[in-house]
Protein backbone atom coordinates (compact mmCIF):
# COMPACT_ATOMS: atom_id res chain seq x y z
CA UNK A 1 12.08 -166.03 90.47
CA UNK A 2 11.83 -162.26 90.39
CA UNK A 3 10.72 -162.31 86.74
CA UNK A 4 7.96 -164.82 87.53
CA UNK A 5 6.80 -162.62 90.41
CA UNK A 6 6.70 -159.52 88.19
CA UNK A 7 4.78 -161.42 85.52
CA UNK A 8 2.30 -162.44 88.22
CA UNK A 9 1.82 -158.78 89.13
CA UNK A 10 1.09 -157.96 85.48
CA UNK A 11 -1.12 -160.88 84.50
CA UNK A 12 -3.00 -161.65 87.71
CA UNK A 13 -2.83 -158.52 89.85
CA UNK A 14 -3.10 -156.30 86.75
CA UNK A 15 -0.66 -153.76 88.17
CA UNK A 16 0.38 -150.83 85.99
CA UNK A 17 3.82 -150.85 84.33
CA UNK A 18 4.96 -148.09 86.68
CA UNK A 19 3.93 -150.07 89.78
CA UNK A 20 5.65 -153.20 88.49
CA UNK A 21 8.78 -151.16 87.83
CA UNK A 22 8.71 -149.91 91.43
CA UNK A 23 8.40 -153.49 92.73
CA UNK A 24 11.35 -154.56 90.59
CA UNK A 25 13.49 -151.70 91.86
CA UNK A 26 12.65 -152.39 95.53
CA UNK A 27 13.33 -156.13 95.33
CA UNK A 28 16.52 -155.76 93.29
CA UNK A 29 17.88 -153.11 95.64
CA UNK A 30 17.37 -155.46 98.59
CA UNK A 31 18.78 -158.57 96.87
CA UNK A 32 21.86 -156.66 95.67
CA UNK A 33 22.46 -155.55 99.26
CA UNK A 34 22.03 -159.14 100.50
CA UNK A 35 24.62 -160.31 97.98
CA UNK A 36 27.02 -157.55 99.05
CA UNK A 37 26.70 -158.81 102.64
CA UNK A 38 27.74 -162.30 101.54
CA UNK A 39 24.20 -163.65 101.38
CA UNK A 40 22.54 -165.67 98.64
CA UNK A 41 19.60 -163.89 97.00
CA UNK A 42 19.31 -166.90 94.64
CA UNK A 43 18.43 -168.99 97.72
CA UNK A 44 15.59 -166.95 99.30
CA UNK A 45 14.99 -169.61 101.96
CA UNK A 46 18.26 -168.46 103.57
CA UNK A 47 16.99 -164.88 104.05
CA UNK A 48 15.81 -164.25 107.62
CA UNK A 49 13.90 -161.63 109.57
CA UNK A 50 17.24 -160.43 110.93
CA UNK A 51 18.36 -159.69 107.38
CA UNK A 52 15.27 -157.57 106.90
CA UNK A 53 15.88 -155.75 110.19
CA UNK A 54 19.47 -155.02 109.14
CA UNK A 55 18.15 -153.75 105.82
CA UNK A 56 15.77 -151.37 107.59
CA UNK A 57 18.63 -150.04 109.71
CA UNK A 58 20.80 -149.57 106.63
CA UNK A 59 18.10 -147.67 104.75
CA UNK A 60 17.50 -145.45 107.80
CA UNK A 61 21.22 -144.70 108.00
CA UNK A 62 21.08 -143.65 104.35
CA UNK A 63 18.52 -141.02 105.29
CA UNK A 64 15.49 -142.80 103.77
CA UNK A 65 12.26 -141.77 105.50
CA UNK A 66 9.89 -144.13 107.28
CA UNK A 67 7.19 -143.85 104.61
CA UNK A 68 9.62 -144.79 101.83
CA UNK A 69 11.05 -147.69 103.83
CA UNK A 70 7.51 -148.93 104.50
CA UNK A 71 6.78 -148.86 100.78
CA UNK A 72 9.91 -150.93 100.10
CA UNK A 73 8.94 -153.38 102.83
CA UNK A 74 5.50 -153.71 101.25
CA UNK A 75 7.16 -154.70 97.96
CA UNK A 76 9.37 -157.24 99.72
CA UNK A 77 6.43 -158.60 101.70
CA UNK A 78 4.51 -159.21 98.47
CA UNK A 79 7.55 -160.87 96.91
CA UNK A 80 8.19 -163.28 99.78
CA UNK A 81 4.48 -164.01 100.12
CA UNK A 82 4.47 -165.01 96.46
CA UNK A 83 7.50 -167.28 97.00
CA UNK A 84 5.76 -168.86 99.99
CA UNK A 85 2.62 -169.57 97.98
CA UNK A 86 4.77 -171.11 95.24
CA UNK A 87 6.44 -173.40 97.78
CA UNK A 88 9.88 -171.85 97.24
CA UNK A 89 10.21 -170.89 100.92
CA UNK A 90 8.61 -172.46 104.00
CA UNK A 91 8.23 -169.26 106.01
CA UNK A 92 7.86 -165.61 105.10
CA UNK A 93 10.80 -163.66 106.65
CA UNK A 94 8.69 -160.55 107.14
CA UNK A 95 6.23 -162.30 109.47
CA UNK A 96 6.32 -160.46 112.78
CA UNK A 97 7.96 -157.36 111.29
CA UNK A 98 5.79 -154.28 111.56
CA UNK A 99 5.81 -151.13 109.48
CA UNK A 100 7.78 -148.19 110.84
CA UNK A 101 5.83 -145.41 112.48
CA UNK A 102 5.77 -142.58 109.97
CA UNK A 103 4.82 -138.99 110.88
CA UNK A 104 1.45 -137.99 109.47
CA UNK A 105 1.78 -135.29 106.86
CA UNK A 106 -1.20 -133.34 105.64
CA UNK A 107 -1.56 -133.00 101.88
CA UNK A 108 -0.26 -129.70 100.50
CA UNK A 109 -2.74 -127.72 98.43
CA UNK A 110 -2.94 -124.37 96.64
CA UNK A 111 -5.07 -121.72 98.42
CA UNK A 112 -8.11 -120.54 96.46
CA UNK A 113 -6.73 -117.06 95.80
CA UNK A 114 -3.49 -118.44 94.37
CA UNK A 115 -5.40 -121.02 92.37
CA UNK A 116 -7.42 -118.27 90.72
CA UNK A 117 -4.18 -116.58 89.64
CA UNK A 118 -2.94 -119.86 88.16
CA UNK A 119 -6.22 -120.49 86.33
CA UNK A 120 -6.25 -116.96 84.90
CA UNK A 121 -2.74 -117.55 83.63
CA UNK A 122 -3.57 -120.88 82.00
CA UNK A 123 -6.76 -119.42 80.49
CA UNK A 124 -4.64 -116.82 78.71
CA UNK A 125 -2.12 -119.41 77.53
CA UNK A 126 -4.86 -121.66 76.20
CA UNK A 127 -5.84 -118.90 73.76
CA UNK A 128 -2.34 -118.92 72.25
CA UNK A 129 -1.73 -120.31 68.76
CA UNK A 130 1.16 -122.36 70.15
CA UNK A 131 0.38 -126.06 70.61
CA UNK A 132 2.86 -126.24 73.51
CA UNK A 133 1.21 -123.32 75.32
CA UNK A 134 -2.22 -124.87 74.88
CA UNK A 135 -0.91 -128.26 76.01
CA UNK A 136 0.78 -126.89 79.13
CA UNK A 137 -2.32 -124.91 80.13
CA UNK A 138 -4.57 -127.92 79.58
CA UNK A 139 -2.29 -130.16 81.68
CA UNK A 140 -2.70 -127.87 84.69
CA UNK A 141 -6.46 -127.54 84.19
CA UNK A 142 -6.99 -131.30 83.88
CA UNK A 143 -5.00 -132.01 87.04
CA UNK A 144 -7.03 -129.42 88.92
CA UNK A 145 -10.48 -130.17 87.50
CA UNK A 146 -10.25 -133.99 87.46
CA UNK A 147 -7.96 -134.79 90.41
CA UNK A 148 -5.68 -136.97 88.30
CA UNK A 149 -2.45 -138.65 89.30
CA UNK A 150 0.65 -137.93 87.21
CA UNK A 151 0.74 -141.41 85.65
CA UNK A 152 -2.97 -141.21 84.87
CA UNK A 153 -2.63 -137.93 83.00
CA UNK A 154 0.36 -139.09 80.95
CA UNK A 155 -1.53 -142.27 79.97
CA UNK A 156 -4.60 -140.45 78.59
CA UNK A 157 -5.42 -141.46 75.02
CA UNK A 158 -7.68 -139.42 72.77
CA UNK A 159 -10.24 -142.21 72.66
CA UNK A 160 -10.52 -142.25 76.46
CA UNK A 161 -12.99 -139.37 76.20
CA UNK A 162 -16.69 -139.86 75.64
CA UNK A 163 -17.96 -139.01 72.17
CA UNK A 164 -18.95 -135.48 73.21
CA UNK A 165 -15.85 -134.94 75.42
CA UNK A 166 -17.92 -134.46 78.59
CA UNK A 167 -16.36 -137.42 80.46
CA UNK A 168 -12.97 -139.08 80.70
CA UNK A 169 -12.20 -142.73 81.37
CA UNK A 170 -9.21 -142.89 83.71
CA UNK A 171 -7.04 -145.97 84.28
CA UNK A 172 -5.87 -145.79 87.87
CA UNK A 173 -3.84 -147.96 90.23
CA UNK A 174 -4.31 -151.68 89.77
CA UNK A 175 -5.61 -150.94 86.26
CA UNK A 176 -8.95 -149.95 87.79
CA UNK A 177 -11.05 -147.65 85.65
CA UNK A 178 -13.20 -144.73 86.74
CA UNK A 179 -15.17 -142.08 84.90
CA UNK A 180 -14.66 -138.40 85.72
CA UNK A 181 -16.69 -135.51 84.31
CA UNK A 182 -15.10 -132.83 82.14
CA UNK A 183 -16.13 -129.25 82.91
CA UNK A 184 -17.37 -127.24 79.93
CA UNK A 185 -14.48 -124.68 79.93
CA UNK A 186 -11.96 -127.54 80.04
CA UNK A 187 -13.84 -129.39 77.29
CA UNK A 188 -13.46 -126.35 75.03
CA UNK A 189 -9.71 -126.24 75.72
CA UNK A 190 -9.38 -129.94 74.86
CA UNK A 191 -11.17 -129.48 71.54
CA UNK A 192 -9.07 -126.43 70.66
CA UNK A 193 -5.84 -128.27 71.52
CA UNK A 194 -6.84 -131.28 69.39
CA UNK A 195 -7.64 -128.98 66.50
CA UNK A 196 -4.26 -127.24 66.88
CA UNK A 197 -2.10 -130.39 66.92
CA UNK A 198 -4.02 -131.68 63.90
CA UNK A 199 -3.67 -128.41 61.99
CA UNK A 200 0.03 -128.11 62.79
CA UNK A 201 0.62 -131.78 61.85
CA UNK A 202 2.03 -132.56 65.28
CA UNK A 203 -0.13 -135.65 65.51
CA UNK A 204 1.66 -137.42 62.65
CA UNK A 205 2.36 -140.72 64.39
CA UNK A 206 -0.02 -143.56 65.08
CA UNK A 207 0.05 -142.77 68.78
CA UNK A 208 -3.30 -142.13 70.40
CA UNK A 209 -1.82 -140.11 73.26
CA UNK A 210 -3.55 -136.85 74.15
CA UNK A 211 -0.44 -134.98 75.27
CA UNK A 212 2.32 -135.00 72.69
CA UNK A 213 5.76 -133.58 72.16
CA UNK A 214 6.50 -131.55 69.04
CA UNK A 215 7.77 -134.81 67.49
CA UNK A 216 4.38 -136.44 67.99
CA UNK A 217 5.44 -138.76 70.82
CA UNK A 218 3.64 -139.23 74.12
CA UNK A 219 4.85 -136.70 76.65
CA UNK A 220 7.00 -138.05 79.50
CA UNK A 221 6.24 -137.92 83.22
CA UNK A 222 9.34 -135.82 83.87
CA UNK A 223 8.28 -133.25 81.26
CA UNK A 224 4.80 -132.96 82.77
CA UNK A 225 6.35 -132.56 86.22
CA UNK A 226 8.54 -129.70 84.97
CA UNK A 227 5.58 -128.04 83.21
CA UNK A 228 3.47 -128.04 86.38
CA UNK A 229 6.35 -126.82 88.53
CA UNK A 230 7.03 -123.95 86.14
CA UNK A 231 3.37 -122.99 85.90
CA UNK A 232 2.95 -122.90 89.67
CA UNK A 233 6.18 -120.99 90.27
CA UNK A 234 5.33 -118.39 87.63
CA UNK A 235 1.97 -117.87 89.31
CA UNK A 236 3.70 -117.03 92.59
CA UNK A 237 2.87 -120.30 94.35
CA UNK A 238 5.40 -121.27 97.00
CA UNK A 239 6.09 -124.58 98.71
CA UNK A 240 5.44 -127.84 96.93
CA UNK A 241 4.83 -127.45 93.20
CA UNK A 242 4.15 -130.98 92.01
CA UNK A 243 1.20 -132.37 90.02
CA UNK A 244 0.02 -134.10 93.20
CA UNK A 245 -0.48 -130.69 94.83
CA UNK A 246 -3.13 -129.95 92.19
CA UNK A 247 -4.79 -133.31 92.91
CA UNK A 248 -4.84 -132.42 96.61
CA UNK A 249 -6.26 -129.00 95.78
CA UNK A 250 -9.04 -130.64 93.75
CA UNK A 251 -10.03 -132.86 96.69
CA UNK A 252 -9.73 -130.13 99.32
CA UNK A 253 -11.91 -127.69 97.40
CA UNK A 254 -14.58 -130.33 96.77
CA UNK A 255 -14.70 -131.13 100.47
CA UNK A 256 -14.75 -127.48 101.54
CA UNK A 257 -17.65 -126.87 99.16
CA UNK A 258 -19.82 -129.66 100.51
CA UNK A 259 -19.01 -132.71 98.38
CA UNK A 260 -19.67 -136.09 99.97
CA UNK A 261 -16.61 -138.03 101.09
CA UNK A 262 -17.67 -141.12 99.14
CA UNK A 263 -18.03 -139.07 95.97
CA UNK A 264 -14.54 -137.63 96.42
CA UNK A 265 -13.19 -141.14 96.99
CA UNK A 266 -14.71 -142.29 93.71
CA UNK A 267 -13.42 -139.29 91.75
CA UNK A 268 -9.89 -139.74 93.14
CA UNK A 269 -9.88 -143.48 92.53
CA UNK A 270 -8.99 -144.32 96.13
CA UNK A 271 -9.41 -147.99 97.02
CA UNK A 272 -10.48 -147.15 100.58
CA UNK A 273 -12.22 -144.26 102.27
CA UNK A 274 -9.35 -144.00 104.76
CA UNK A 275 -7.08 -142.58 102.05
CA UNK A 276 -9.64 -139.88 101.30
CA UNK A 277 -10.33 -138.91 104.91
CA UNK A 278 -6.94 -137.19 105.22
CA UNK A 279 -8.50 -134.21 103.43
CA UNK A 280 -10.86 -133.60 106.35
CA UNK A 281 -7.89 -132.15 108.24
CA UNK A 282 -7.42 -129.46 105.61
CA UNK A 283 -11.15 -128.75 105.74
CA UNK A 284 -11.06 -128.36 109.53
CA UNK A 285 -8.05 -126.05 109.26
CA UNK A 286 -10.02 -123.89 106.84
CA UNK A 287 -13.00 -123.77 109.17
CA UNK A 288 -10.80 -122.86 112.13
CA UNK A 289 -9.31 -119.98 110.15
CA UNK A 290 -12.82 -118.68 109.36
CA UNK A 291 -13.79 -119.11 113.01
CA UNK A 292 -10.76 -117.13 114.16
CA UNK A 293 -11.59 -114.25 111.82
CA UNK A 294 -15.33 -114.14 112.38
CA UNK A 295 -16.34 -115.40 115.82
CA UNK A 296 -16.79 -112.47 118.28
CA UNK A 297 -15.31 -114.31 121.27
CA UNK A 298 -12.29 -115.47 119.27
CA UNK A 299 -11.75 -111.91 118.06
CA UNK A 300 -11.93 -110.60 121.60
CA UNK A 301 -15.13 -108.65 120.97
CA UNK A 302 -17.14 -110.21 123.76
CA UNK A 303 -18.18 -107.31 125.97
CA UNK A 304 -19.49 -109.28 128.92
């Protein structure tokens, strides 16, 4: 039944391979636990809301955060909803179960001054003759200038660009496509990198991937993650150093510089405006900092 559900996610919901893999992991983890408790995952009609509550308690005891548990519950909810629609079960066991209350966390982003240091560094590396140096610099610049997700960047093919390399077609969550503009300095780095991998015969396979290993294979997510972490650390950036931090920085800077919320939503590929509105908190924090430095009353300069 699980395989049929996963095939449904691929063929009808058009979920990405990564998303389908996450659903598989969440459902299998739960069903393996059910079996360990003496239950029958092969008979889903025997699974009750109490089983789900016990599962939530168990995951909490394992130190899993509320947001992660809610994501797993979302996977299970979709699975049991599918079984209900197929007539396999008469009632969905998650009916009446609500998501856990998760603390709101503001997106981490790189301050402008630190971002300038990082961009200066990657500009220098992009002038190197090394294909790896050019690739690593371009990865950082694309995350920052296009607001991409990690999976989206890894999936870029060379023919996803427009003919003049001024726009990029991005395949986002749910296999939805969006078009993002390519800034002229980044366009030049892309063209130079493509010329380098061609000249050095790195692109010897039939793969269309933009970012390649020295063996000509598509670069992995874990390698990109390590590249970004190293680049940020070497530029003196503390705190979170993931690709998503650069995506958050992209959105925060657009908002702080007057971009419309709907435009940011479209560039990020968010399905709803609610997901984009979290960046307004960072914008307000920035304004409050400016207010504290500049307003006479806040500075204690009021003479009345």
